Amino acid sequence: MEQVLDTAFYAPIGAIVIASEQVPALVERGRALLESRVVVARMVGRMAVATARRRVSDVVASNRSSDHEPETPREGPEPRVARAVTLDAERRAERVPGADLGPRPEVESLAIPGYDSLAASQVVQRLAGLTAGELESVRRYELSTRGRRTILGRVAQLQGDADAAG
């Protein structure tokens, strides 16, 4: 009879007493655990969104900057392809004012290392730190080779800013 009384009466009362004492601590532990996981999930989500935005921006910028032209392979194009690219750039340069500025600068003399292997978006990022003379060399080189409008437009913008400041 004593065992039945313990199980049926005292055990539930003991459970209620313990629960009333332990529930606030359990709630606090559960809340802390969940909040820390939510904070981490938010941080990971923000990083994922930021990374996705950067990648989309890079893709959009490279599509705009390449003017839908295929990039020249890093190993160097076949002679026929190189001549076609040069002819196309020359045709475009004929339509650009100031394209007859004399001989083309050598690519090694440009202030941007590896210029020919860079996409237009990569070149544009490096233009802001160049001097007026270096910008002019890049402009003349670009006019006489690929004639990428994105690069030429940014050079013109920077040259206009320099003229306005000077």
N, C-alpha and C. Protein backbone atom coordinates (compact mmCIF):
# COMPACT_ATOMS: atom_id res chain seq x y z
N MET A 1 0.80 -1.18 0.00
CA MET A 1 0.00 0.00 0.00
C MET A 1 0.86 1.27 0.00
N GLU A 2 1.96 1.23 0.76
CA GLU A 2 2.86 2.37 0.84
C GLU A 2 3.48 2.67 -0.52
N GLN A 3 3.81 1.65 -1.26
CA GLN A 3 4.41 1.81 -2.59
C GLN A 3 3.40 2.41 -3.56
N VAL A 4 2.18 2.01 -3.51
CA VAL A 4 1.13 2.56 -4.36
C VAL A 4 0.93 4.03 -4.03
N LEU A 5 0.91 4.35 -2.74
CA LEU A 5 0.74 5.73 -2.30
C LEU A 5 1.90 6.60 -2.79
N ASP A 6 3.13 6.05 -2.70
CA ASP A 6 4.30 6.78 -3.19
C ASP A 6 4.18 7.06 -4.70
N THR A 7 3.83 6.04 -5.45
CA THR A 7 3.76 6.16 -6.91
C THR A 7 2.58 7.01 -7.35
N ALA A 8 1.43 6.83 -6.74
CA ALA A 8 0.23 7.51 -7.20
C ALA A 8 0.09 8.92 -6.64
N PHE A 9 0.62 9.18 -5.46
CA PHE A 9 0.35 10.47 -4.83
C PHE A 9 1.62 11.32 -4.69
N TYR A 10 2.66 10.74 -4.03
CA TYR A 10 3.84 11.53 -3.73
C TYR A 10 4.71 11.81 -4.98
N ALA A 11 4.79 10.87 -5.87
CA ALA A 11 5.60 11.06 -7.09
C ALA A 11 5.09 12.22 -7.93
N PRO A 12 3.78 12.30 -8.23
CA PRO A 12 3.31 13.46 -9.00
C PRO A 12 3.53 14.79 -8.26
N ILE A 13 3.34 14.80 -6.95
CA ILE A 13 3.57 16.04 -6.19
C ILE A 13 5.05 16.41 -6.25
N GLY A 14 5.93 15.43 -6.10
CA GLY A 14 7.37 15.69 -6.20
C GLY A 14 7.75 16.20 -7.58
N ALA A 15 7.13 15.62 -8.61
CA ALA A 15 7.41 16.08 -9.99
C ALA A 15 6.97 17.52 -10.18
N ILE A 16 5.84 17.87 -9.61
CA ILE A 16 5.33 19.25 -9.74
C ILE A 16 6.26 20.22 -9.02
N VAL A 17 6.74 19.85 -7.84
CA VAL A 17 7.65 20.71 -7.09
C VAL A 17 8.96 20.89 -7.84
N ILE A 18 9.52 19.79 -8.31
CA ILE A 18 10.78 19.86 -9.06
C ILE A 18 10.60 20.66 -10.35
N ALA A 19 9.51 20.41 -11.05
CA ALA A 19 9.25 21.13 -12.29
C ALA A 19 9.12 22.63 -12.03
N SER A 20 8.43 23.00 -10.95
CA SER A 20 8.28 24.43 -10.66
C SER A 20 9.62 25.08 -10.33
N GLU A 21 10.53 24.29 -9.76
CA GLU A 21 11.86 24.83 -9.46
C GLU A 21 12.76 24.80 -10.69
N GLN A 22 12.66 23.78 -11.54
CA GLN A 22 13.56 23.58 -12.67
C GLN A 22 13.09 24.22 -13.97
N VAL A 23 11.82 24.43 -14.15
CA VAL A 23 11.30 24.96 -15.42
C VAL A 23 11.93 26.29 -15.79
N PRO A 24 12.03 27.26 -14.88
CA PRO A 24 12.66 28.53 -15.29
C PRO A 24 14.10 28.33 -15.78
N ALA A 25 14.85 27.47 -15.13
CA ALA A 25 16.23 27.21 -15.57
C ALA A 25 16.24 26.51 -16.92
N LEU A 26 15.33 25.55 -17.13
CA LEU A 26 15.25 24.86 -18.42
C LEU A 26 14.83 25.82 -19.53
N VAL A 27 13.88 26.70 -19.23
CA VAL A 27 13.43 27.68 -20.22
C VAL A 27 14.61 28.58 -20.61
N GLU A 28 15.36 29.04 -19.63
CA GLU A 28 16.50 29.92 -19.89
C GLU A 28 17.57 29.22 -20.73
N ARG A 29 17.87 27.97 -20.42
CA ARG A 29 18.85 27.20 -21.21
C ARG A 29 18.36 27.00 -22.63
N GLY A 30 17.08 26.67 -22.79
CA GLY A 30 16.52 26.48 -24.12
C GLY A 30 16.54 27.76 -24.93
N ARG A 31 16.16 28.87 -24.27
CA ARG A 31 16.16 30.16 -24.95
C ARG A 31 17.57 30.55 -25.40
N ALA A 32 18.56 30.39 -24.53
CA ALA A 32 19.94 30.73 -24.86
C ALA A 32 20.45 29.89 -26.02
N LEU A 33 20.14 28.61 -25.99
CA LEU A 33 20.59 27.73 -27.07
C LEU A 33 19.95 28.13 -28.39
N LEU A 34 18.68 28.37 -28.39
CA LEU A 34 17.96 28.73 -29.61
C LEU A 34 18.42 30.10 -30.13
N GLU A 35 18.57 31.07 -29.23
CA GLU A 35 19.00 32.40 -29.65
C GLU A 35 20.38 32.36 -30.28
N SER A 36 21.30 31.59 -29.70
CA SER A 36 22.65 31.52 -30.27
C SER A 36 22.61 30.90 -31.67
N ARG A 37 21.77 29.90 -31.84
CA ARG A 37 21.66 29.27 -33.17
C ARG A 37 21.00 30.21 -34.17
N VAL A 38 20.04 30.99 -33.72
CA VAL A 38 19.38 31.96 -34.61
C VAL A 38 20.38 33.03 -35.03
N VAL A 39 21.21 33.49 -34.09
CA VAL A 39 22.22 34.51 -34.41
C VAL A 39 23.18 33.97 -35.46
N VAL A 40 23.64 32.75 -35.27
CA VAL A 40 24.56 32.14 -36.24
C VAL A 40 23.86 31.97 -37.59
N ALA A 41 22.62 31.52 -37.59
CA ALA A 41 21.88 31.34 -38.85
C ALA A 41 21.70 32.67 -39.57
N ARG A 42 21.40 33.72 -38.84
CA ARG A 42 21.26 35.05 -39.46
C ARG A 42 22.58 35.50 -40.07
N MET A 43 23.67 35.30 -39.34
CA MET A 43 24.97 35.71 -39.82
C MET A 43 25.33 34.94 -41.10
N VAL A 44 25.12 33.66 -41.09
CA VAL A 44 25.40 32.84 -42.28
C VAL A 44 24.51 33.28 -43.44
N GLY A 45 23.27 33.56 -43.16
CA GLY A 45 22.35 34.02 -44.21
C GLY A 45 22.79 35.34 -44.81
N ARG A 46 23.20 36.28 -43.95
CA ARG A 46 23.68 37.58 -44.46
C ARG A 46 24.93 37.42 -45.30
N MET A 47 25.84 36.55 -44.85
CA MET A 47 27.06 36.30 -45.63
C MET A 47 26.73 35.67 -46.97
N ALA A 48 25.79 34.75 -46.99
CA ALA A 48 25.39 34.10 -48.25
C ALA A 48 24.77 35.12 -49.20
N VAL A 49 23.93 35.98 -48.69
CA VAL A 49 23.30 37.01 -49.53
C VAL A 49 24.36 37.97 -50.06
N ALA A 50 25.27 38.41 -49.20
CA ALA A 50 26.32 39.33 -49.63
C ALA A 50 27.20 38.69 -50.69
N THR A 51 27.57 37.43 -50.50
CA THR A 51 28.39 36.73 -51.50
C THR A 51 27.65 36.59 -52.81
N ALA A 52 26.38 36.23 -52.74
CA ALA A 52 25.59 36.10 -53.96
C ALA A 52 25.47 37.43 -54.68
N ARG A 53 25.27 38.51 -53.93
CA ARG A 53 25.19 39.84 -54.56
C ARG A 53 26.48 40.20 -55.26
N ARG A 54 27.64 39.93 -54.59
CA ARG A 54 28.93 40.23 -55.22
C ARG A 54 29.12 39.42 -56.48
N ARG A 55 28.76 38.15 -56.43
CA ARG A 55 28.93 37.31 -57.62
C ARG A 55 28.04 37.77 -58.76
N VAL A 56 26.81 38.10 -58.45
CA VAL A 56 25.89 38.59 -59.49
C VAL A 56 26.41 39.90 -60.05
N SER A 57 26.88 40.79 -59.18
CA SER A 57 27.43 42.07 -59.65
C SER A 57 28.64 41.85 -60.54
N ASP A 58 29.51 40.91 -60.16
CA ASP A 58 30.68 40.61 -60.99
C ASP A 58 30.28 40.08 -62.35
N VAL A 59 29.30 39.18 -62.37
CA VAL A 59 28.84 38.62 -63.64
C VAL A 59 28.23 39.71 -64.51
N VAL A 60 27.39 40.54 -63.90
CA VAL A 60 26.76 41.62 -64.66
C VAL A 60 27.81 42.59 -65.17
N ALA A 61 28.77 42.95 -64.31
CA ALA A 61 29.82 43.87 -64.72
C ALA A 61 30.67 43.28 -65.83
N SER A 62 31.00 42.00 -65.73
CA SER A 62 31.83 41.40 -66.78
C SER A 62 31.05 41.27 -68.09
N ASN A 63 29.75 41.03 -67.99
CA ASN A 63 28.95 40.98 -69.22
C ASN A 63 28.85 42.35 -69.85
N ARG A 64 28.68 43.39 -69.04
CA ARG A 64 28.62 44.75 -69.58
C ARG A 64 29.96 45.18 -70.14
N SER A 65 31.03 44.84 -69.41
CA SER A 65 32.34 45.33 -69.80
C SER A 65 32.90 44.61 -71.02
N SER A 66 32.50 43.40 -71.23
CA SER A 66 33.06 42.68 -72.38
C SER A 66 32.34 43.02 -73.66
N ASP A 67 31.27 43.80 -73.56
CA ASP A 67 30.48 44.17 -74.75
C ASP A 67 30.08 42.95 -75.54
N HIS A 68 29.87 41.85 -74.82
CA HIS A 68 29.45 40.57 -75.41
C HIS A 68 30.48 40.02 -76.38
N GLU A 69 31.76 40.36 -76.15
CA GLU A 69 32.83 39.80 -76.96
C GLU A 69 33.50 38.68 -76.15
N PRO A 70 33.89 37.61 -76.79
CA PRO A 70 34.60 36.57 -76.05
C PRO A 70 35.97 37.09 -75.62
N GLU A 71 36.41 36.69 -74.44
CA GLU A 71 37.72 37.11 -73.97
C GLU A 71 38.80 36.34 -74.70
N THR A 72 39.94 37.01 -74.88
CA THR A 72 41.07 36.37 -75.53
C THR A 72 41.68 35.37 -74.56
N PRO A 73 41.97 34.15 -75.02
CA PRO A 73 42.58 33.15 -74.13
C PRO A 73 43.91 33.65 -73.59
N ARG A 74 44.28 33.22 -72.38
CA ARG A 74 45.51 33.68 -71.76
C ARG A 74 46.76 33.19 -72.50
N GLU A 75 46.68 32.05 -73.15
CA GLU A 75 47.86 31.53 -73.84
C GLU A 75 48.14 32.32 -75.11
N GLY A 76 47.21 33.09 -75.57
CA GLY A 76 47.37 33.85 -76.79
C GLY A 76 46.51 33.26 -77.90
N PRO A 77 45.88 34.11 -78.66
CA PRO A 77 44.99 33.63 -79.71
C PRO A 77 45.76 33.12 -80.92
N GLU A 78 45.06 32.40 -81.76
CA GLU A 78 45.65 32.01 -83.02
C GLU A 78 45.85 33.28 -83.85
N PRO A 79 46.83 33.32 -84.74
CA PRO A 79 47.11 34.53 -85.51
C PRO A 79 45.88 35.07 -86.25
N ARG A 80 45.06 34.21 -86.85
CA ARG A 80 43.88 34.69 -87.57
C ARG A 80 42.92 35.41 -86.64
N VAL A 81 42.72 34.84 -85.45
CA VAL A 81 41.81 35.44 -84.48
C VAL A 81 42.37 36.76 -83.99
N ALA A 82 43.66 36.81 -83.71
CA ALA A 82 44.27 38.05 -83.24
C ALA A 82 44.12 39.15 -84.29
N ARG A 83 44.32 38.79 -85.54
CA ARG A 83 44.19 39.79 -86.62
C ARG A 83 42.75 40.27 -86.72
N ALA A 84 41.78 39.36 -86.56
CA ALA A 84 40.37 39.75 -86.62
C ALA A 84 40.02 40.69 -85.48
N VAL A 85 40.53 40.40 -84.28
CA VAL A 85 40.27 41.28 -83.13
C VAL A 85 40.90 42.65 -83.37
N THR A 86 42.12 42.67 -83.90
CA THR A 86 42.79 43.94 -84.17
C THR A 86 42.04 44.74 -85.22
N LEU A 87 41.60 44.07 -86.29
CA LEU A 87 40.84 44.77 -87.32
C LEU A 87 39.54 45.34 -86.78
N ASP A 88 38.86 44.56 -85.94
CA ASP A 88 37.62 45.02 -85.34
C ASP A 88 37.88 46.24 -84.47
N ALA A 89 38.94 46.20 -83.68
CA ALA A 89 39.28 47.35 -82.83
C ALA A 89 39.64 48.56 -83.66
N GLU A 90 40.35 48.35 -84.77
CA GLU A 90 40.70 49.46 -85.64
C GLU A 90 39.46 50.09 -86.24
N ARG A 91 38.50 49.25 -86.65
CA ARG A 91 37.24 49.79 -87.19
C ARG A 91 36.52 50.62 -86.15
N ARG A 92 36.50 50.13 -84.90
CA ARG A 92 35.85 50.89 -83.83
C ARG A 92 36.61 52.16 -83.53
N ALA A 93 37.94 52.09 -83.54
CA ALA A 93 38.76 53.26 -83.23
C ALA A 93 38.55 54.37 -84.25
N GLU A 94 38.23 54.00 -85.50
CA GLU A 94 37.96 55.02 -86.52
C GLU A 94 36.76 55.87 -86.13
N ARG A 95 35.82 55.29 -85.39
CA ARG A 95 34.62 56.03 -84.99
C ARG A 95 34.82 56.81 -83.70
N VAL A 96 35.95 56.58 -83.01
CA VAL A 96 36.18 57.24 -81.73
C VAL A 96 37.04 58.47 -81.94
N PRO A 97 36.59 59.66 -81.50
CA PRO A 97 37.41 60.86 -81.65
C PRO A 97 38.72 60.70 -80.91
N GLY A 98 39.80 61.17 -81.50
CA GLY A 98 41.10 61.11 -80.85
C GLY A 98 41.80 59.78 -80.99
N ALA A 99 41.32 58.91 -81.89
CA ALA A 99 41.92 57.59 -82.03
C ALA A 99 43.22 57.63 -82.80
N ASP A 100 43.54 58.72 -83.46
CA ASP A 100 44.75 58.82 -84.27
C ASP A 100 45.85 59.52 -83.48
N LEU A 101 46.24 58.94 -82.37
CA LEU A 101 47.22 59.58 -81.49
C LEU A 101 48.63 59.06 -81.70
N GLY A 102 48.90 58.47 -82.81
CA GLY A 102 50.24 57.99 -83.08
C GLY A 102 50.41 56.54 -82.71
N PRO A 103 51.67 56.12 -82.52
CA PRO A 103 51.92 54.70 -82.27
C PRO A 103 51.33 54.22 -80.95
N ARG A 104 50.97 52.97 -80.98
CA ARG A 104 50.37 52.33 -79.80
C ARG A 104 51.45 52.09 -78.75
N PRO A 105 51.16 52.38 -77.49
CA PRO A 105 52.13 52.05 -76.43
C PRO A 105 52.30 50.53 -76.33
N GLU A 106 53.45 50.10 -75.91
CA GLU A 106 53.69 48.68 -75.69
C GLU A 106 52.96 48.25 -74.43
N VAL A 107 52.40 47.04 -74.44
CA VAL A 107 51.63 46.55 -73.30
C VAL A 107 52.50 46.48 -72.04
N GLU A 108 53.79 46.21 -72.19
CA GLU A 108 54.69 46.14 -71.04
C GLU A 108 54.89 47.50 -70.39
N SER A 109 54.66 48.57 -71.15
CA SER A 109 54.86 49.91 -70.59
C SER A 109 53.64 50.41 -69.83
N LEU A 110 52.52 49.69 -69.90
CA LEU A 110 51.33 50.12 -69.18
C LEU A 110 51.50 49.92 -67.68
N ALA A 111 50.84 50.76 -66.90
CA ALA A 111 50.96 50.72 -65.44
C ALA A 111 50.15 49.59 -64.81
N ILE A 112 49.44 48.81 -65.63
CA ILE A 112 48.64 47.69 -65.12
C ILE A 112 49.30 46.40 -65.59
N PRO A 113 49.94 45.66 -64.67
CA PRO A 113 50.61 44.41 -65.06
C PRO A 113 49.60 43.38 -65.59
N GLY A 114 50.00 42.67 -66.63
CA GLY A 114 49.16 41.62 -67.20
C GLY A 114 47.91 42.15 -67.88
N TYR A 115 47.99 43.36 -68.40
CA TYR A 115 46.83 44.05 -68.97
C TYR A 115 46.06 43.18 -69.96
N ASP A 116 46.75 42.56 -70.88
CA ASP A 116 46.07 41.78 -71.93
C ASP A 116 45.34 40.55 -71.40
N SER A 117 45.72 40.08 -70.23
CA SER A 117 45.05 38.89 -69.69
C SER A 117 43.88 39.25 -68.78
N LEU A 118 43.63 40.54 -68.56
CA LEU A 118 42.57 40.97 -67.66
C LEU A 118 41.26 41.23 -68.41
N ALA A 119 40.16 40.92 -67.76
CA ALA A 119 38.85 41.28 -68.28
C ALA A 119 38.66 42.78 -68.10
N ALA A 120 37.74 43.34 -68.86
CA ALA A 120 37.49 44.78 -68.78
C ALA A 120 37.13 45.20 -67.36
N SER A 121 36.33 44.39 -66.67
CA SER A 121 35.93 44.75 -65.30
C SER A 121 37.14 44.81 -64.37
N GLN A 122 38.14 43.97 -64.61
CA GLN A 122 39.34 43.98 -63.78
C GLN A 122 40.19 45.20 -64.09
N VAL A 123 40.25 45.59 -65.36
CA VAL A 123 41.02 46.78 -65.74
C VAL A 123 40.37 48.02 -65.14
N VAL A 124 39.05 48.13 -65.25
CA VAL A 124 38.33 49.30 -64.75
C VAL A 124 38.60 49.50 -63.26
N GLN A 125 38.68 48.41 -62.50
CA GLN A 125 38.94 48.52 -61.07
C GLN A 125 40.31 49.12 -60.78
N ARG A 126 41.26 48.96 -61.68
CA ARG A 126 42.63 49.42 -61.44
C ARG A 126 42.89 50.82 -61.98
N LEU A 127 41.97 51.41 -62.71
CA LEU A 127 42.22 52.68 -63.38
C LEU A 127 42.30 53.87 -62.42
N ALA A 128 41.54 53.85 -61.35
CA ALA A 128 41.45 55.03 -60.48
C ALA A 128 42.79 55.44 -59.88
N GLY A 129 43.71 54.53 -59.70
CA GLY A 129 45.00 54.86 -59.09
C GLY A 129 46.06 55.33 -60.06
N LEU A 130 45.73 55.48 -61.34
CA LEU A 130 46.73 55.83 -62.33
C LEU A 130 46.85 57.35 -62.50
N THR A 131 48.05 57.76 -62.92
CA THR A 131 48.27 59.18 -63.21
C THR A 131 47.63 59.52 -64.56
N ALA A 132 47.59 60.81 -64.88
CA ALA A 132 47.01 61.26 -66.15
C ALA A 132 47.76 60.65 -67.33
N GLY A 133 49.08 60.59 -67.26
CA GLY A 133 49.88 60.01 -68.34
C GLY A 133 49.63 58.52 -68.50
N GLU A 134 49.50 57.83 -67.38
CA GLU A 134 49.24 56.38 -67.43
C GLU A 134 47.85 56.11 -67.99
N LEU A 135 46.88 56.95 -67.61
CA LEU A 135 45.53 56.81 -68.16
C LEU A 135 45.54 57.01 -69.67
N GLU A 136 46.29 57.99 -70.11
CA GLU A 136 46.37 58.26 -71.55
C GLU A 136 47.00 57.09 -72.30
N SER A 137 48.02 56.48 -71.71
CA SER A 137 48.65 55.31 -72.33
C SER A 137 47.67 54.16 -72.43
N VAL A 138 46.90 53.93 -71.35
CA VAL A 138 45.89 52.86 -71.38
C VAL A 138 44.86 53.17 -72.46
N ARG A 139 44.43 54.42 -72.54
CA ARG A 139 43.42 54.80 -73.55
C ARG A 139 43.94 54.55 -74.96
N ARG A 140 45.17 54.99 -75.23
CA ARG A 140 45.73 54.80 -76.58
C ARG A 140 45.91 53.31 -76.90
N TYR A 141 46.38 52.55 -75.90
CA TYR A 141 46.57 51.12 -76.12
C TYR A 141 45.22 50.44 -76.39
N GLU A 142 44.22 50.77 -75.58
CA GLU A 142 42.91 50.14 -75.73
C GLU A 142 42.28 50.51 -77.07
N LEU A 143 42.42 51.76 -77.49
CA LEU A 143 41.89 52.18 -78.78
C LEU A 143 42.53 51.41 -79.93
N SER A 144 43.82 51.14 -79.80
CA SER A 144 44.52 50.49 -80.90
C SER A 144 44.43 48.97 -80.86
N THR A 145 43.85 48.42 -79.79
CA THR A 145 43.73 46.96 -79.72
C THR A 145 42.26 46.55 -79.67
N ARG A 146 41.74 46.29 -78.50
CA ARG A 146 40.39 45.73 -78.39
C ARG A 146 39.28 46.77 -78.41
N GLY A 147 39.58 48.00 -78.04
CA GLY A 147 38.58 49.06 -78.09
C GLY A 147 37.39 48.84 -77.17
N ARG A 148 37.63 48.30 -75.99
CA ARG A 148 36.52 48.01 -75.07
C ARG A 148 35.93 49.31 -74.53
N ARG A 149 34.65 49.50 -74.80
CA ARG A 149 33.98 50.75 -74.45
C ARG A 149 33.94 51.00 -72.95
N THR A 150 33.84 49.95 -72.17
CA THR A 150 33.79 50.12 -70.72
C THR A 150 35.09 50.77 -70.21
N ILE A 151 36.20 50.28 -70.70
CA ILE A 151 37.50 50.82 -70.27
C ILE A 151 37.66 52.24 -70.80
N LEU A 152 37.35 52.43 -72.07
CA LEU A 152 37.49 53.77 -72.66
C LEU A 152 36.58 54.78 -71.99
N GLY A 153 35.38 54.37 -71.63
CA GLY A 153 34.46 55.27 -70.94
C GLY A 153 34.96 55.66 -69.56
N ARG A 154 35.49 54.68 -68.82
CA ARG A 154 35.99 54.98 -67.48
C ARG A 154 37.24 55.85 -67.54
N VAL A 155 38.11 55.60 -68.52
CA VAL A 155 39.30 56.44 -68.69
C VAL A 155 38.86 57.87 -68.98
N ALA A 156 37.90 58.03 -69.89
CA ALA A 156 37.41 59.37 -70.23
C ALA A 156 36.82 60.05 -69.01
N GLN A 157 36.09 59.29 -68.20
CA GLN A 157 35.50 59.84 -66.99
C GLN A 157 36.59 60.32 -66.03
N LEU A 158 37.60 59.49 -65.83
CA LEU A 158 38.70 59.86 -64.91
C LEU A 158 39.50 61.04 -65.46
N GLN A 159 39.70 61.07 -66.76
CA GLN A 159 40.41 62.19 -67.36
C GLN A 159 39.59 63.48 -67.22
N GLY A 160 38.28 63.37 -67.35
CA GLY A 160 37.42 64.53 -67.15
C GLY A 160 37.46 65.00 -65.71
N ASP A 161 37.50 64.08 -64.77
CA ASP A 161 37.60 64.44 -63.36
C ASP A 161 38.94 65.16 -63.09
N ALA A 162 40.01 64.64 -63.71
CA ALA A 162 41.33 65.24 -63.52
C ALA A 162 41.37 66.65 -64.12
N ASP A 163 40.72 66.82 -65.30
CA ASP A 163 40.69 68.14 -65.93
C ASP A 163 39.89 69.12 -65.07
N ALA A 164 38.79 68.65 -64.51
CA ALA A 164 37.96 69.51 -63.67
C ALA A 164 38.69 69.90 -62.39
N ALA A 165 39.47 68.97 -61.83
CA ALA A 165 40.20 69.25 -60.60
C ALA A 165 41.42 70.12 -60.85
N GLY A 166 42.02 69.98 -62.05
CA GLY A 166 43.26 70.70 -62.33
C GLY A 166 43.00 72.01 -62.89
